[in-house]
PDB file of N, CA and C in Angstrom:
ATOM      1  N   MET A   1      32.584 -84.371  86.454  1.00  0.00           N
ATOM      2  CA  MET A   1      32.374 -83.806  85.144  1.00  0.00           C
ATOM      3  C   MET A   1      31.378 -84.644  84.355  1.00  0.00           C
ATOM      4  N   THR A   2      31.435 -85.950  84.524  1.00  0.00           N
ATOM      5  CA  THR A   2      30.500 -86.837  83.828  1.00  0.00           C
ATOM      6  C   THR A   2      29.067 -86.556  84.254  1.00  0.00           C
ATOM      7  N   LEU A   3      28.864 -86.334  85.545  1.00  0.00           N
ATOM      8  CA  LEU A   3      27.533 -86.008  86.048  1.00  0.00           C
ATOM      9  C   LEU A   3      27.019 -84.714  85.428  1.00  0.00           C
ATOM     10  N   LEU A   4      27.859 -83.706  85.339  1.00  0.00           N
ATOM     11  CA  LEU A   4      27.439 -82.422  84.773  1.00  0.00           C
ATOM     12  C   LEU A   4      27.069 -82.549  83.300  1.00  0.00           C
ATOM     13  N   THR A   5      27.888 -83.245  82.532  1.00  0.00           N
ATOM     14  CA  THR A   5      27.595 -83.376  81.104  1.00  0.00           C
ATOM     15  C   THR A   5      26.359 -84.240  80.856  1.00  0.00           C
ATOM     16  N   ASN A   6      26.211 -85.307  81.632  1.00  0.00           N
ATOM     17  CA  ASN A   6      25.018 -86.151  81.471  1.00  0.00           C
ATOM     18  C   ASN A   6      23.748 -85.390  81.843  1.00  0.00           C
ATOM     19  N   TYR A   7      23.805 -84.612  82.905  1.00  0.00           N
ATOM     20  CA  TYR A   7      22.627 -83.842  83.304  1.00  0.00           C
ATOM     21  C   TYR A   7      22.278 -82.793  82.258  1.00  0.00           C
ATOM     22  N   SER A   8      23.261 -82.093  81.721  1.00  0.00           N
ATOM     23  CA  SER A   8      22.970 -81.067  80.715  1.00  0.00           C
ATOM     24  C   SER A   8      22.406 -81.691  79.435  1.00  0.00           C
ATOM     25  N   MET A   9      22.915 -82.870  79.041  1.00  0.00           N
ATOM     26  CA  MET A   9      22.395 -83.539  77.864  1.00  0.00           C
ATOM     27  C   MET A   9      20.971 -84.052  78.113  1.00  0.00           C
ATOM     28  N   TYR A  10      20.722 -84.606  79.288  1.00  0.00           N
ATOM     29  CA  TYR A  10      19.388 -85.087  79.658  1.00  0.00           C
ATOM     30  C   TYR A  10      18.377 -83.944  79.620  1.00  0.00           C
ATOM     31  N   LYS A  11      18.751 -82.810  80.186  1.00  0.00           N
ATOM     32  CA  LYS A  11      17.836 -81.671  80.233  1.00  0.00           C
ATOM     33  C   LYS A  11      17.587 -81.122  78.830  1.00  0.00           C
ATOM     34  N   LYS A  12      18.609 -81.091  77.993  1.00  0.00           N
ATOM     35  CA  LYS A  12      18.464 -80.574  76.633  1.00  0.00           C
ATOM     36  C   LYS A  12      17.616 -81.512  75.767  1.00  0.00           C
ATOM     37  N   LEU A  13      17.820 -82.815  75.890  1.00  0.00           N
ATOM     38  CA  LEU A  13      17.097 -83.771  75.055  1.00  0.00           C
ATOM     39  C   LEU A  13      15.637 -83.935  75.455  1.00  0.00           C
ATOM     40  N   PHE A  14      15.387 -84.101  76.752  1.00  0.00           N
ATOM     41  CA  PHE A  14      14.042 -84.409  77.209  1.00  0.00           C
ATOM     42  C   PHE A  14      13.265 -83.199  77.714  1.00  0.00           C
ATOM     43  N   GLU A  15      13.942 -82.090  77.902  1.00  0.00           N
ATOM     44  CA  GLU A  15      13.329 -80.838  78.368  1.00  0.00           C
ATOM     45  C   GLU A  15      12.493 -81.043  79.631  1.00  0.00           C
ATOM     46  N   ILE A  16      13.020 -81.850  80.535  1.00  0.00           N
ATOM     47  CA  ILE A  16      12.375 -82.109  81.826  1.00  0.00           C
ATOM     48  C   ILE A  16      13.152 -81.341  82.885  1.00  0.00           C
ATOM     49  N   ASP A  17      12.432 -80.563  83.674  1.00  0.00           N
ATOM     50  CA  ASP A  17      13.073 -79.759  84.705  1.00  0.00           C
ATOM     51  C   ASP A  17      12.776 -80.368  86.075  1.00  0.00           C
ATOM     52  N   ASP A  18      13.800 -80.824  86.755  1.00  0.00           N
ATOM     53  CA  ASP A  18      13.661 -81.395  88.099  1.00  0.00           C
ATOM     54  C   ASP A  18      14.412 -80.493  89.074  1.00  0.00           C
ATOM     55  N   PRO A  19      13.708 -79.566  89.744  1.00  0.00           N
ATOM     56  CA  PRO A  19      14.402 -78.601  90.603  1.00  0.00           C
ATOM     57  C   PRO A  19      15.138 -79.233  91.790  1.00  0.00           C
ATOM     58  N   LYS A  20      14.631 -80.328  92.330  1.00  0.00           N
ATOM     59  CA  LYS A  20      15.301 -80.971  93.466  1.00  0.00           C
ATOM     60  C   LYS A  20      16.663 -81.532  93.039  1.00  0.00           C
ATOM     61  N   PHE A  21      16.676 -82.187  91.903  1.00  0.00           N
ATOM     62  CA  PHE A  21      17.933 -82.754  91.401  1.00  0.00           C
ATOM     63  C   PHE A  21      18.913 -81.655  91.024  1.00  0.00           C
ATOM     64  N   TYR A  22      18.403 -80.596  90.407  1.00  0.00           N
ATOM     65  CA  TYR A  22      19.259 -79.466  90.036  1.00  0.00           C
ATOM     66  C   TYR A  22      19.885 -78.848  91.277  1.00  0.00           C
ATOM     67  N   MET A  23      19.125 -78.683  92.356  1.00  0.00           N
ATOM     68  CA  MET A  23      19.660 -78.088  93.581  1.00  0.00           C
ATOM     69  C   MET A  23      20.714 -78.992  94.222  1.00  0.00           C
ATOM     70  N   LYS A  24      20.546 -80.304  94.111  1.00  0.00           N
ATOM     71  CA  LYS A  24      21.567 -81.214  94.641  1.00  0.00           C
ATOM     72  C   LYS A  24      22.867 -81.077  93.873  1.00  0.00           C
ATOM     73  N   ILE A  25      22.766 -80.988  92.551  1.00  0.00           N
ATOM     74  CA  ILE A  25      23.974 -80.803  91.746  1.00  0.00           C
ATOM     75  C   ILE A  25      24.560 -79.426  92.008  1.00  0.00           C
ATOM     76  N   TRP A  26      23.688 -78.419  92.134  1.00  0.00           N
ATOM     77  CA  TRP A  26      24.149 -77.046  92.375  1.00  0.00           C
ATOM     78  C   TRP A  26      24.887 -76.942  93.705  1.00  0.00           C
ATOM     79  N   SER A  27      24.475 -77.699  94.715  1.00  0.00           N
ATOM     80  CA  SER A  27      25.137 -77.653  96.016  1.00  0.00           C
ATOM     81  C   SER A  27      26.549 -78.256  95.968  1.00  0.00           C
ATOM     82  N   LEU A  28      26.857 -79.028  94.950  1.00  0.00           N
ATOM     83  CA  LEU A  28      28.198 -79.601  94.817  1.00  0.00           C
ATOM     84  C   LEU A  28      29.270 -78.538  94.606  1.00  0.00           C
ATOM     85  N   GLN A  29      28.894 -77.384  94.048  1.00  0.00           N
ATOM     86  CA  GLN A  29      29.895 -76.361  93.771  1.00  0.00           C
ATOM     87  C   GLN A  29      30.483 -75.767  95.047  1.00  0.00           C
ATOM     88  N   LYS A  30      29.772 -75.870  96.166  1.00  0.00           N
ATOM     89  CA  LYS A  30      30.332 -75.389  97.437  1.00  0.00           C
ATOM     90  C   LYS A  30      31.426 -76.324  97.937  1.00  0.00           C
ATOM     91  N   GLN A  31      31.265 -77.610  97.662  1.00  0.00           N
ATOM     92  CA  GLN A  31      32.271 -78.586  98.083  1.00  0.00           C
ATOM     93  C   GLN A  31      33.426 -78.661  97.098  1.00  0.00           C
ATOM     94  N   CYS A  32      33.124 -78.480  95.837  1.00  0.00           N
ATOM     95  CA  CYS A  32      34.150 -78.580  94.798  1.00  0.00           C
ATOM     96  C   CYS A  32      33.957 -77.438  93.803  1.00  0.00           C
ATOM     97  N   PRO A  33      34.478 -76.251  94.108  1.00  0.00           N
ATOM     98  CA  PRO A  33      34.238 -75.099  93.239  1.00  0.00           C
ATOM     99  C   PRO A  33      34.987 -75.142  91.916  1.00  0.00           C
ATOM    100  N   LEU A  34      35.953 -76.030  91.784  1.00  0.00           N
ATOM    101  CA  LEU A  34      36.741 -76.092  90.559  1.00  0.00           C
ATOM    102  C   LEU A  34      37.113 -77.545  90.275  1.00  0.00           C
ATOM    103  N   ILE A  35      36.898 -77.985  89.044  1.00  0.00           N
ATOM    104  CA  ILE A  35      37.259 -79.343  88.648  1.00  0.00           C
ATOM    105  C   ILE A  35      38.438 -79.239  87.683  1.00  0.00           C
ATOM    106  N   ILE A  36      39.530 -79.881  88.036  1.00  0.00           N
ATOM    107  CA  ILE A  36      40.702 -79.894  87.165  1.00  0.00           C
ATOM    108  C   ILE A  36      40.579 -81.106  86.250  1.00  0.00           C
ATOM    109  N   LEU A  37      40.449 -80.844  84.950  1.00  0.00           N
ATOM    110  CA  LEU A  37      40.284 -81.917  83.977  1.00  0.00           C
ATOM    111  C   LEU A  37      41.616 -82.525  83.567  1.00  0.00           C
ATOM    112  N   TYR A  38      42.569 -81.664  83.240  1.00  0.00           N
ATOM    113  CA  TYR A  38      43.885 -82.143  82.821  1.00  0.00           C
ATOM    114  C   TYR A  38      44.869 -80.986  82.928  1.00  0.00           C
ATOM    115  N   ASN A  39      45.939 -81.191  83.649  1.00  0.00           N
ATOM    116  CA  ASN A  39      47.013 -80.214  83.800  1.00  0.00           C
ATOM    117  C   ASN A  39      46.453 -78.839  84.191  1.00  0.00           C
ATOM    118  N   ASN A  40      46.378 -77.887  83.276  1.00  0.00           N
ATOM    119  CA  ASN A  40      45.833 -76.578  83.624  1.00  0.00           C
ATOM    120  C   ASN A  40      44.465 -76.334  82.986  1.00  0.00           C
ATOM    121  N   LEU A  41      43.809 -77.387  82.513  1.00  0.00           N
ATOM    122  CA  LEU A  41      42.459 -77.302  81.966  1.00  0.00           C
ATOM    123  C   LEU A  41      41.482 -77.535  83.109  1.00  0.00           C
ATOM    124  N   GLN A  42      40.693 -76.516  83.417  1.00  0.00           N
ATOM    125  CA  GLN A  42      39.786 -76.597  84.563  1.00  0.00           C
ATOM    126  C   GLN A  42      38.412 -76.052  84.204  1.00  0.00           C
ATOM    127  N   ILE A  43      37.410 -76.443  85.000  1.00  0.00           N
ATOM    128  CA  ILE A  43      36.046 -76.002  84.772  1.00  0.00           C
ATOM    129  C   ILE A  43      35.403 -75.671  86.115  1.00  0.00           C
ATOM    130  N   ASN A  44      34.566 -74.660  86.100  1.00  0.00           N
ATOM    131  CA  ASN A  44      33.794 -74.270  87.277  1.00  0.00           C
ATOM    132  C   ASN A  44      32.396 -74.857  87.117  1.00  0.00           C
ATOM    133  N   PRO A  45      31.966 -75.782  88.001  1.00  0.00           N
ATOM    134  CA  PRO A  45      30.650 -76.411  87.851  1.00  0.00           C
ATOM    135  C   PRO A  45      29.499 -75.408  87.881  1.00  0.00           C
ATOM    136  N   GLY A  46      29.611 -74.361  88.679  1.00  0.00           N
ATOM    137  CA  GLY A  46      28.542 -73.365  88.743  1.00  0.00           C
ATOM    138  C   GLY A  46      28.367 -72.639  87.428  1.00  0.00           C
ATOM    139  N   ASN A  47      29.466 -72.235  86.815  1.00  0.00           N
ATOM    140  CA  ASN A  47      29.378 -71.580  85.506  1.00  0.00           C
ATOM    141  C   ASN A  47      28.855 -72.541  84.451  1.00  0.00           C
ATOM    142  N   PHE A  48      29.274 -73.783  84.507  1.00  0.00           N
ATOM    143  CA  PHE A  48      28.808 -74.795  83.563  1.00  0.00           C
ATOM    144  C   PHE A  48      27.296 -74.963  83.660  1.00  0.00           C
ATOM    145  N   LEU A  49      26.781 -75.110  84.876  1.00  0.00           N
ATOM    146  CA  LEU A  49      25.348 -75.304  85.065  1.00  0.00           C
ATOM    147  C   LEU A  49      24.540 -74.064  84.682  1.00  0.00           C
ATOM    148  N   SER A  50      25.064 -72.894  84.993  1.00  0.00           N
ATOM    149  CA  SER A  50      24.296 -71.680  84.700  1.00  0.00           C
ATOM    150  C   SER A  50      24.287 -71.347  83.212  1.00  0.00           C
ATOM    151  N   THR A  51      25.274 -71.786  82.452  1.00  0.00           N
ATOM    152  CA  THR A  51      25.290 -71.483  81.025  1.00  0.00           C
ATOM    153  C   THR A  51      24.698 -72.593  80.163  1.00  0.00           C
ATOM    154  N   LEU A  52      24.884 -73.850  80.536  1.00  0.00           N
ATOM    155  CA  LEU A  52      24.413 -74.936  79.688  1.00  0.00           C
ATOM    156  C   LEU A  52      23.106 -75.587  80.126  1.00  0.00           C
ATOM    157  N   CYS A  53      22.700 -75.395  81.363  1.00  0.00           N
ATOM    158  CA  CYS A  53      21.463 -76.038  81.826  1.00  0.00           C
ATOM    159  C   CYS A  53      20.295 -75.067  81.923  1.00  0.00           C
ATOM    160  N   PHE A  54      20.525 -73.825  81.656  1.00  0.00           N
ATOM    161  CA  PHE A  54      19.484 -72.802  81.574  1.00  0.00           C
ATOM    162  C   PHE A  54      18.471 -72.855  82.730  1.00  0.00           C
ATOM    163  N   PRO A  55      18.894 -72.446  83.917  1.00  0.00           N
ATOM    164  CA  PRO A  55      17.943 -72.418  85.033  1.00  0.00           C
ATOM    165  C   PRO A  55      16.853 -71.377  84.784  1.00  0.00           C
ATOM    166  N   LYS A  56      15.679 -71.591  85.391  1.00  0.00           N
ATOM    167  CA  LYS A  56      14.547 -70.690  85.172  1.00  0.00           C
ATOM    168  C   LYS A  56      14.772 -69.323  85.786  1.00  0.00           C
ATOM    169  N   LYS A  57      15.405 -69.279  86.953  1.00  0.00           N
ATOM    170  CA  LYS A  57      15.663 -67.985  87.574  1.00  0.00           C
ATOM    171  C   LYS A  57      17.164 -67.739  87.648  1.00  0.00           C
ATOM    172  N   LYS A  58      17.523 -66.490  87.822  1.00  0.00           N
ATOM    173  CA  LYS A  58      18.924 -66.085  87.869  1.00  0.00           C
ATOM    174  C   LYS A  58      19.623 -66.727  89.072  1.00  0.00           C
ATOM    175  N   VAL A  59      20.791 -67.290  88.850  1.00  0.00           N
ATOM    176  CA  VAL A  59      21.544 -67.952  89.918  1.00  0.00           C
ATOM    177  C   VAL A  59      22.903 -67.283  90.048  1.00  0.00           C
ATOM    178  N   LYS A  60      23.467 -67.376  91.252  1.00  0.00           N
ATOM    179  CA  LYS A  60      24.811 -66.841  91.505  1.00  0.00           C
ATOM    180  C   LYS A  60      25.739 -67.996  91.848  1.00  0.00           C
ATOM    181  N   VAL A  61      26.921 -67.944  91.296  1.00  0.00           N
ATOM    182  CA  VAL A  61      27.935 -68.951  91.568  1.00  0.00           C
ATOM    183  C   VAL A  61      28.488 -68.716  92.965  1.00  0.00           C
ATOM    184  N   ASP A  62      28.708 -69.806  93.709  1.00  0.00           N
ATOM    185  CA  ASP A  62      29.221 -69.690  95.068  1.00  0.00           C
ATOM    186  C   ASP A  62      30.460 -70.562  95.210  1.00  0.00           C
ATOM    187  N   PRO A  63      31.587 -70.089  95.489  1.00  0.00           N
ATOM    188  CA  PRO A  63      31.988 -68.685  95.682  1.00  0.00           C
ATOM    189  C   PRO A  63      32.132 -67.971  94.332  1.00  0.00           C
ATOM    190  N   GLU A  64      31.893 -66.679  94.341  1.00  0.00           N
ATOM    191  CA  GLU A  64      31.896 -65.902  93.104  1.00  0.00           C
ATOM    192  C   GLU A  64      33.267 -65.811  92.480  1.00  0.00           C
ATOM    193  N   ASN A  65      34.285 -65.574  93.320  1.00  0.00           N
ATOM    194  CA  ASN A  65      35.628 -65.367  92.818  1.00  0.00           C
ATOM    195  C   ASN A  65      36.520 -66.502  93.298  1.00  0.00           C
ATOM    196  N   ILE A  66      36.910 -67.371  92.389  1.00  0.00           N
ATOM    197  CA  ILE A  66      37.722 -68.533  92.786  1.00  0.00           C
ATOM    198  C   ILE A  66      39.185 -68.172  92.702  1.00  0.00           C
TER     199      ILE A  66
END
Protein backbone atom coordinates (compact mmCIF):
# COMPACT_ATOMS: atom_id res chain seq x y z
CA MET A 1 0.00 0.00 0.00
CA THR A 2 2.89 2.35 0.74
CA LEU A 3 4.29 1.78 -2.74
CA LEU A 4 0.93 2.59 -4.34
CA THR A 5 0.39 5.79 -2.38
CA ASN A 6 3.96 7.00 -2.91
CA TYR A 7 3.75 6.34 -6.64
CA SER A 8 0.41 8.16 -6.99
CA MET A 9 1.74 11.15 -5.03
CA TYR A 10 4.97 11.21 -7.07
CA LYS A 11 3.04 11.13 -10.34
CA LYS A 12 0.62 13.85 -9.18
CA LEU A 13 3.33 16.19 -7.87
CA PHE A 14 5.96 15.87 -10.58
CA GLU A 15 3.72 14.86 -13.51
CA ILE A 16 6.38 12.45 -14.77
CA ASP A 17 5.12 9.38 -16.58
CA ASP A 18 7.37 6.31 -16.45
CA PRO A 19 5.58 3.50 -18.34
CA LYS A 20 8.12 0.81 -17.38
CA PHE A 21 7.72 1.49 -13.68
CA TYR A 22 3.94 1.71 -14.01
CA MET A 23 3.83 -1.69 -15.75
CA LYS A 24 5.93 -3.24 -12.96
CA ILE A 25 3.52 -1.94 -10.34
CA TRP A 26 0.56 -2.93 -12.52
CA SER A 27 1.86 -6.51 -12.75
CA LEU A 28 1.70 -6.77 -8.94
CA GLN A 29 -2.10 -7.01 -9.08
CA LYS A 30 -1.84 -10.49 -10.61
CA GLN A 31 0.16 -11.69 -7.62
CA CYS A 32 -1.81 -9.75 -5.03
CA PRO A 33 -5.26 -8.78 -6.33
CA LEU A 34 -6.47 -7.57 -2.94
CA ILE A 35 -4.67 -5.85 -0.06
CA ILE A 36 -6.26 -6.19 3.36
CA LEU A 37 -5.49 -3.02 5.31
CA TYR A 38 -7.31 -3.75 8.56
CA ASN A 39 -9.96 -6.30 9.49
CA ASN A 40 -12.50 -5.93 6.65
CA LEU A 41 -10.97 -2.78 5.11
CA GLN A 42 -9.47 -3.80 1.78
CA ILE A 43 -8.22 -2.22 -1.43
CA ASN A 44 -7.79 -3.47 -4.98
CA PRO A 45 -4.42 -2.23 -6.36
CA GLY A 46 -5.69 -2.27 -9.96
CA ASN A 47 -8.65 -0.04 -9.15
CA PHE A 48 -6.40 2.23 -7.10
CA LEU A 49 -3.92 2.66 -9.96
CA SER A 50 -6.57 3.14 -12.63
CA THR A 51 -8.44 5.83 -10.67
CA LEU A 52 -5.65 7.75 -8.93
CA CYS A 53 -2.69 7.44 -11.31
CA PHE A 54 -4.57 8.31 -14.49
CA PRO A 55 -3.01 6.02 -17.11
CA LYS A 56 -2.88 7.38 -20.67
CA LYS A 57 -4.79 4.49 -22.19
CA LYS A 58 -7.72 2.46 -20.90
CA VAL A 59 -6.64 -0.41 -18.63
CA LYS A 60 -8.48 -3.49 -17.36
CA VAL A 61 -8.10 -4.86 -13.87
CA ASP A 62 -6.87 -8.45 -13.75
CA PRO A 63 -8.72 -10.43 -12.45
CA GLU A 64 -11.87 -8.41 -13.14
CA ASN A 65 -14.07 -10.03 -10.53
CA ILE A 66 -12.40 -10.72 -7.19
